[in-house]
């Protein structure tokens, strides 16, 4: 009866110290191996997800660089390029027309800047001039008239404003305006024939 009343000894209590160490090493090995397998499976899932993302990126890039969307964008670009005029702009005529709409404004030191050839068969033409002793309202009206030329994109590329005196509202302006034009089609054909 005395043995029945004694508490039952646990599994580890019946093992020798050497066996306990081996069981603990086995449990630890199982835990480490389980953790490594989980990390491996997680890494494999991440690789599959990355591969799916890369495939989607490649598909989107193909749509935007080779598909119907790309063709639509090319057509829209060609249409915009056709809207760029190919005839040379006459800055002096344009400035005279804008000057006639503003009273008391004189344009001086008018000088064209050498044209620059850009990519896509575009030529950038610039023109610089000076406005002396003008009010802010006159200058704004004049520049707005220049930039609103129908059929052209004309931008004020550089604008330097100086005041003659802090007590006066008169300004001195140095202005550079620019526009773009396409090279005429005949010139392009001649260049291709020479090559």
C-alpha atoms as a PDB file:
ATOM      1  CA  UNK A   1       0.000   0.000   0.000  1.00  0.00           C
ATOM      2  CA  UNK A   2       2.813   2.291   0.710  1.00  0.00           C
ATOM      3  CA  UNK A   3       3.894   2.056  -2.889  1.00  0.00           C
ATOM      4  CA  UNK A   4       0.402   2.817  -4.093  1.00  0.00           C
ATOM      5  CA  UNK A   5       0.244   5.994  -1.992  1.00  0.00           C
ATOM      6  CA  UNK A   6       3.571   7.274  -3.317  1.00  0.00           C
ATOM      7  CA  UNK A   7       3.243   9.654  -6.240  1.00  0.00           C
ATOM      8  CA  UNK A   8       3.960   8.201  -9.613  1.00  0.00           C
ATOM      9  CA  UNK A   9       7.326   9.158 -10.906  1.00  0.00           C
ATOM     10  CA  UNK A  10       7.422  11.001 -14.258  1.00  0.00           C
ATOM     11  CA  UNK A  11       8.913   9.773 -17.463  1.00  0.00           C
ATOM     12  CA  UNK A  12      12.077  11.797 -17.037  1.00  0.00           C
ATOM     13  CA  UNK A  13      12.490  10.720 -13.433  1.00  0.00           C
ATOM     14  CA  UNK A  14      12.821   7.096 -14.475  1.00  0.00           C
ATOM     15  CA  UNK A  15      15.583   7.949 -16.978  1.00  0.00           C
ATOM     16  CA  UNK A  16      19.230   8.150 -16.167  1.00  0.00           C
ATOM     17  CA  UNK A  17      20.957  11.562 -16.481  1.00  0.00           C
ATOM     18  CA  UNK A  18      22.574  10.484 -19.731  1.00  0.00           C
ATOM     19  CA  UNK A  19      19.213   9.431 -21.224  1.00  0.00           C
ATOM     20  CA  UNK A  20      17.635  12.715 -20.047  1.00  0.00           C
ATOM     21  CA  UNK A  21      20.346  14.651 -21.866  1.00  0.00           C
ATOM     22  CA  UNK A  22      19.776  12.644 -25.033  1.00  0.00           C
ATOM     23  CA  UNK A  23      15.990  13.183 -24.878  1.00  0.00           C
ATOM     24  CA  UNK A  24      16.497  16.941 -24.382  1.00  0.00           C
ATOM     25  CA  UNK A  25      18.931  17.003 -27.329  1.00  0.00           C
ATOM     26  CA  UNK A  26      16.335  15.143 -29.425  1.00  0.00           C
ATOM     27  CA  UNK A  27      13.593  17.622 -28.466  1.00  0.00           C
ATOM     28  CA  UNK A  28      15.915  20.565 -29.184  1.00  0.00           C
ATOM     29  CA  UNK A  29      16.901  19.040 -32.560  1.00  0.00           C
ATOM     30  CA  UNK A  30      13.235  18.537 -33.442  1.00  0.00           C
ATOM     31  CA  UNK A  31      12.462  22.167 -32.500  1.00  0.00           C
ATOM     32  CA  UNK A  32      15.409  23.536 -34.540  1.00  0.00           C
ATOM     33  CA  UNK A  33      14.587  21.366 -37.561  1.00  0.00           C
ATOM     34  CA  UNK A  34      10.911  22.388 -37.412  1.00  0.00           C
ATOM     35  CA  UNK A  35      11.914  26.063 -37.298  1.00  0.00           C
ATOM     36  CA  UNK A  36      14.286  25.611 -40.251  1.00  0.00           C
ATOM     37  CA  UNK A  37      11.578  23.850 -42.287  1.00  0.00           C
ATOM     38  CA  UNK A  38       9.150  26.715 -41.531  1.00  0.00           C
ATOM     39  CA  UNK A  39      11.750  29.294 -42.632  1.00  0.00           C
ATOM     40  CA  UNK A  40      12.427  27.299 -45.798  1.00  0.00           C
ATOM     41  CA  UNK A  41       8.731  27.078 -46.648  1.00  0.00           C
ATOM     42  CA  UNK A  42       8.285  30.786 -45.932  1.00  0.00           C
ATOM     43  CA  UNK A  43      11.261  31.673 -48.171  1.00  0.00           C
ATOM     44  CA  UNK A  44       9.865  29.462 -50.927  1.00  0.00           C
ATOM     45  CA  UNK A  45       6.489  31.231 -50.672  1.00  0.00           C
ATOM     46  CA  UNK A  46       8.219  34.614 -50.833  1.00  0.00           C
ATOM     47  CA  UNK A  47      10.179  33.520 -53.918  1.00  0.00           C
ATOM     48  CA  UNK A  48       6.958  32.416 -55.616  1.00  0.00           C
ATOM     49  CA  UNK A  49       5.303  35.729 -54.715  1.00  0.00           C
ATOM     50  CA  UNK A  50       8.297  37.686 -56.054  1.00  0.00           C
ATOM     51  CA  UNK A  51       8.198  35.658 -59.264  1.00  0.00           C
ATOM     52  CA  UNK A  52       4.474  36.410 -59.663  1.00  0.00           C
ATOM     53  CA  UNK A  53       5.107  40.138 -59.060  1.00  0.00           C
ATOM     54  CA  UNK A  54       7.950  40.143 -61.602  1.00  0.00           C
ATOM     55  CA  UNK A  55       5.709  38.394 -64.129  1.00  0.00           C
ATOM     56  CA  UNK A  56       2.981  41.007 -63.570  1.00  0.00           C
ATOM     57  CA  UNK A  57       5.508  43.839 -63.956  1.00  0.00           C
ATOM     58  CA  UNK A  58       6.785  42.319 -67.199  1.00  0.00           C
ATOM     59  CA  UNK A  59       3.213  41.960 -68.481  1.00  0.00           C
ATOM     60  CA  UNK A  60       2.396  45.581 -67.623  1.00  0.00           C
ATOM     61  CA  UNK A  61       5.594  46.779 -69.245  1.00  0.00           C
ATOM     62  CA  UNK A  62       4.755  44.770 -72.357  1.00  0.00           C
ATOM     63  CA  UNK A  63       1.291  46.338 -72.447  1.00  0.00           C
ATOM     64  CA  UNK A  64       2.702  49.864 -72.194  1.00  0.00           C
ATOM     65  CA  UNK A  65       5.616  49.322 -74.590  1.00  0.00           C
ATOM     66  CA  UNK A  66       4.281  46.824 -77.108  1.00  0.00           C
ATOM     67  CA  UNK A  67       0.527  46.467 -76.788  1.00  0.00           C
ATOM     68  CA  UNK A  68      -2.530  48.407 -77.891  1.00  0.00           C
ATOM     69  CA  UNK A  69      -1.962  51.082 -75.237  1.00  0.00           C
ATOM     70  CA  UNK A  70       1.526  51.687 -76.626  1.00  0.00           C
ATOM     71  CA  UNK A  71       0.157  52.028 -80.152  1.00  0.00           C
ATOM     72  CA  UNK A  72      -2.431  54.526 -78.931  1.00  0.00           C
ATOM     73  CA  UNK A  73       0.258  56.534 -77.172  1.00  0.00           C
ATOM     74  CA  UNK A  74       2.402  56.525 -80.336  1.00  0.00           C
ATOM     75  CA  UNK A  75      -0.525  57.750 -82.403  1.00  0.00           C
ATOM     76  CA  UNK A  76      -1.261  60.512 -79.882  1.00  0.00           C
ATOM     77  CA  UNK A  77       2.416  61.517 -79.946  1.00  0.00           C
ATOM     78  CA  UNK A  78       2.443  61.635 -83.744  1.00  0.00           C
ATOM     79  CA  UNK A  79      -0.727  63.739 -83.710  1.00  0.00           C
ATOM     80  CA  UNK A  80       0.864  66.182 -81.235  1.00  0.00           C
ATOM     81  CA  UNK A  81       4.012  66.338 -83.377  1.00  0.00           C
ATOM     82  CA  UNK A  82       1.939  67.110 -86.474  1.00  0.00           C
ATOM     83  CA  UNK A  83       0.477  70.092 -84.601  1.00  0.00           C
ATOM     84  CA  UNK A  84       3.969  71.574 -84.274  1.00  0.00           C
ATOM     85  CA  UNK A  85       4.389  73.876 -87.269  1.00  0.00           C
ATOM     86  CA  UNK A  86       7.242  73.361 -89.706  1.00  0.00           C
ATOM     87  CA  UNK A  87       7.497  76.921 -91.023  1.00  0.00           C
ATOM     88  CA  UNK A  88       9.937  79.305 -89.393  1.00  0.00           C
ATOM     89  CA  UNK A  89       8.445  81.922 -87.093  1.00  0.00           C
ATOM     90  CA  UNK A  90       9.039  85.596 -87.744  1.00  0.00           C
ATOM     91  CA  UNK A  91       9.784  86.967 -84.290  1.00  0.00           C
ATOM     92  CA  UNK A  92      10.028  90.586 -85.460  1.00  0.00           C
ATOM     93  CA  UNK A  93       6.521  90.491 -86.948  1.00  0.00           C
ATOM     94  CA  UNK A  94       5.193  88.787 -83.842  1.00  0.00           C
ATOM     95  CA  UNK A  95       6.777  91.386 -81.540  1.00  0.00           C
ATOM     96  CA  UNK A  96       5.488  94.282 -83.665  1.00  0.00           C
ATOM     97  CA  UNK A  97       1.960  92.875 -83.513  1.00  0.00           C
ATOM     98  CA  UNK A  98       2.140  92.467 -79.724  1.00  0.00           C
ATOM     99  CA  UNK A  99       3.721  95.916 -79.346  1.00  0.00           C
ATOM    100  CA  UNK A 100       0.892  97.578 -81.292  1.00  0.00           C
ATOM    101  CA  UNK A 101      -1.590  96.310 -78.692  1.00  0.00           C
ATOM    102  CA  UNK A 102       0.209  98.013 -75.781  1.00  0.00           C
ATOM    103  CA  UNK A 103       0.496 101.807 -75.599  1.00  0.00           C
ATOM    104  CA  UNK A 104       3.800 103.394 -74.618  1.00  0.00           C
ATOM    105  CA  UNK A 105       5.881 100.243 -74.962  1.00  0.00           C
ATOM    106  CA  UNK A 106       9.113 100.148 -76.922  1.00  0.00           C
ATOM    107  CA  UNK A 107      11.139  97.045 -77.652  1.00  0.00           C
ATOM    108  CA  UNK A 108      14.902  97.451 -78.054  1.00  0.00           C
ATOM    109  CA  UNK A 109      18.007  95.337 -78.668  1.00  0.00           C
ATOM    110  CA  UNK A 110      16.126  92.682 -80.599  1.00  0.00           C
ATOM    111  CA  UNK A 111      18.371  89.765 -81.468  1.00  0.00           C
ATOM    112  CA  UNK A 112      17.721  86.182 -82.587  1.00  0.00           C
ATOM    113  CA  UNK A 113      19.600  83.392 -80.817  1.00  0.00           C
ATOM    114  CA  UNK A 114      21.132  80.589 -82.881  1.00  0.00           C
ATOM    115  CA  UNK A 115      18.609  77.750 -83.339  1.00  0.00           C
ATOM    116  CA  UNK A 116      19.226  74.426 -81.610  1.00  0.00           C
ATOM    117  CA  UNK A 117      18.371  71.088 -83.168  1.00  0.00           C
ATOM    118  CA  UNK A 118      16.719  68.742 -80.664  1.00  0.00           C
ATOM    119  CA  UNK A 119      15.775  65.079 -80.719  1.00  0.00           C
ATOM    120  CA  UNK A 120      12.713  64.103 -82.689  1.00  0.00           C
ATOM    121  CA  UNK A 121      13.443  66.428 -85.638  1.00  0.00           C
ATOM    122  CA  UNK A 122      12.631  69.544 -83.600  1.00  0.00           C
ATOM    123  CA  UNK A 123      14.297  72.913 -83.830  1.00  0.00           C
ATOM    124  CA  UNK A 124      14.242  75.307 -80.900  1.00  0.00           C
ATOM    125  CA  UNK A 125      14.252  78.952 -81.922  1.00  0.00           C
ATOM    126  CA  UNK A 126      14.823  81.732 -79.403  1.00  0.00           C
ATOM    127  CA  UNK A 127      14.758  85.500 -79.560  1.00  0.00           C
ATOM    128  CA  UNK A 128      15.913  88.033 -77.001  1.00  0.00           C
ATOM    129  CA  UNK A 129      14.931  91.651 -76.534  1.00  0.00           C
ATOM    130  CA  UNK A 130      14.700  94.363 -73.896  1.00  0.00           C
ATOM    131  CA  UNK A 131      11.812  96.418 -72.595  1.00  0.00           C
ATOM    132  CA  UNK A 132      12.778  99.710 -70.951  1.00  0.00           C
ATOM    133  CA  UNK A 133      10.786 101.889 -68.570  1.00  0.00           C
ATOM    134  CA  UNK A 134       7.532  99.913 -68.673  1.00  0.00           C
ATOM    135  CA  UNK A 135       4.910  99.292 -66.005  1.00  0.00           C
ATOM    136  CA  UNK A 136       4.161  95.810 -64.752  1.00  0.00           C
ATOM    137  CA  UNK A 137       0.763  95.946 -66.436  1.00  0.00           C
ATOM    138  CA  UNK A 138       2.298  96.849 -69.815  1.00  0.00           C
ATOM    139  CA  UNK A 139       4.877  94.079 -69.533  1.00  0.00           C
ATOM    140  CA  UNK A 140       2.285  91.448 -68.586  1.00  0.00           C
ATOM    141  CA  UNK A 141      -0.047  92.494 -71.411  1.00  0.00           C
ATOM    142  CA  UNK A 142       2.811  92.404 -73.935  1.00  0.00           C
ATOM    143  CA  UNK A 143       4.153  88.986 -72.830  1.00  0.00           C
ATOM    144  CA  UNK A 144       0.647  87.511 -72.685  1.00  0.00           C
ATOM    145  CA  UNK A 145       0.032  88.719 -76.222  1.00  0.00           C
ATOM    146  CA  UNK A 146       3.293  87.092 -77.372  1.00  0.00           C
ATOM    147  CA  UNK A 147       2.606  83.767 -75.667  1.00  0.00           C
ATOM    148  CA  UNK A 148      -0.972  83.513 -76.912  1.00  0.00           C
ATOM    149  CA  UNK A 149      -0.037  83.408 -80.598  1.00  0.00           C
ATOM    150  CA  UNK A 150      -2.481  80.953 -82.223  1.00  0.00           C
ATOM    151  CA  UNK A 151      -0.960  77.795 -83.682  1.00  0.00           C
ATOM    152  CA  UNK A 152       2.315  78.214 -81.803  1.00  0.00           C
ATOM    153  CA  UNK A 153       3.756  77.317 -78.447  1.00  0.00           C
ATOM    154  CA  UNK A 154       5.744  80.341 -77.351  1.00  0.00           C
ATOM    155  CA  UNK A 155       7.227  80.471 -73.871  1.00  0.00           C
ATOM    156  CA  UNK A 156       9.063  83.155 -71.968  1.00  0.00           C
ATOM    157  CA  UNK A 157      12.227  81.192 -71.263  1.00  0.00           C
ATOM    158  CA  UNK A 158      14.191  83.854 -69.399  1.00  0.00           C
ATOM    159  CA  UNK A 159      12.960  86.993 -67.710  1.00  0.00           C
ATOM    160  CA  UNK A 160      15.175  89.434 -65.866  1.00  0.00           C
ATOM    161  CA  UNK A 161      13.383  92.310 -64.113  1.00  0.00           C
ATOM    162  CA  UNK A 162      15.076  95.359 -62.635  1.00  0.00           C
ATOM    163  CA  UNK A 163      13.559  98.458 -61.147  1.00  0.00           C
ATOM    164  CA  UNK A 164      14.984 101.828 -62.138  1.00  0.00           C
ATOM    165  CA  UNK A 165      14.162 103.403 -58.811  1.00  0.00           C
ATOM    166  CA  UNK A 166      12.407 102.163 -55.690  1.00  0.00           C
ATOM    167  CA  UNK A 167      10.056 105.165 -55.797  1.00  0.00           C
ATOM    168  CA  UNK A 168       8.889 104.523 -59.373  1.00  0.00           C
ATOM    169  CA  UNK A 169       6.787 101.715 -60.756  1.00  0.00           C
ATOM    170  CA  UNK A 170       8.790 101.552 -63.995  1.00  0.00           C
ATOM    171  CA  UNK A 171      10.726  98.374 -64.788  1.00  0.00           C
ATOM    172  CA  UNK A 172      13.481  97.271 -67.145  1.00  0.00           C
ATOM    173  CA  UNK A 173      13.061  93.760 -68.541  1.00  0.00           C
ATOM    174  CA  UNK A 174      15.441  91.471 -70.409  1.00  0.00           C
ATOM    175  CA  UNK A 175      13.374  88.758 -72.095  1.00  0.00           C
ATOM    176  CA  UNK A 176      14.156  85.569 -74.011  1.00  0.00           C
ATOM    177  CA  UNK A 177      11.226  83.855 -75.731  1.00  0.00           C
ATOM    178  CA  UNK A 178      11.388  80.433 -77.374  1.00  0.00           C
ATOM    179  CA  UNK A 179       9.334  78.289 -79.687  1.00  0.00           C
ATOM    180  CA  UNK A 180       9.734  74.921 -81.389  1.00  0.00           C
ATOM    181  CA  UNK A 181       9.205  73.810 -84.954  1.00  0.00           C
ATOM    182  CA  UNK A 182       9.546  70.597 -86.890  1.00  0.00           C
ATOM    183  CA  UNK A 183      12.139  70.194 -89.578  1.00  0.00           C
ATOM    184  CA  UNK A 184      10.439  70.237 -92.982  1.00  0.00           C
ATOM    185  CA  UNK A 185       9.745  66.778 -94.412  1.00  0.00           C
ATOM    186  CA  UNK A 186      11.837  67.473 -97.543  1.00  0.00           C
ATOM    187  CA  UNK A 187      14.951  68.093 -95.444  1.00  0.00           C
ATOM    188  CA  UNK A 188      14.448  64.786 -93.644  1.00  0.00           C
ATOM    189  CA  UNK A 189      14.077  62.889 -96.919  1.00  0.00           C
ATOM    190  CA  UNK A 190      17.246  64.521 -98.304  1.00  0.00           C
ATOM    191  CA  UNK A 191      19.211  63.483 -95.216  1.00  0.00           C
ATOM    192  CA  UNK A 192      17.977  59.884 -95.503  1.00  0.00           C
ATOM    193  CA  UNK A 193      18.991  59.740 -99.187  1.00  0.00           C
ATOM    194  CA  UNK A 194      22.517  61.021 -98.372  1.00  0.00           C
ATOM    195  CA  UNK A 195      23.015  58.257 -95.806  1.00  0.00           C
END
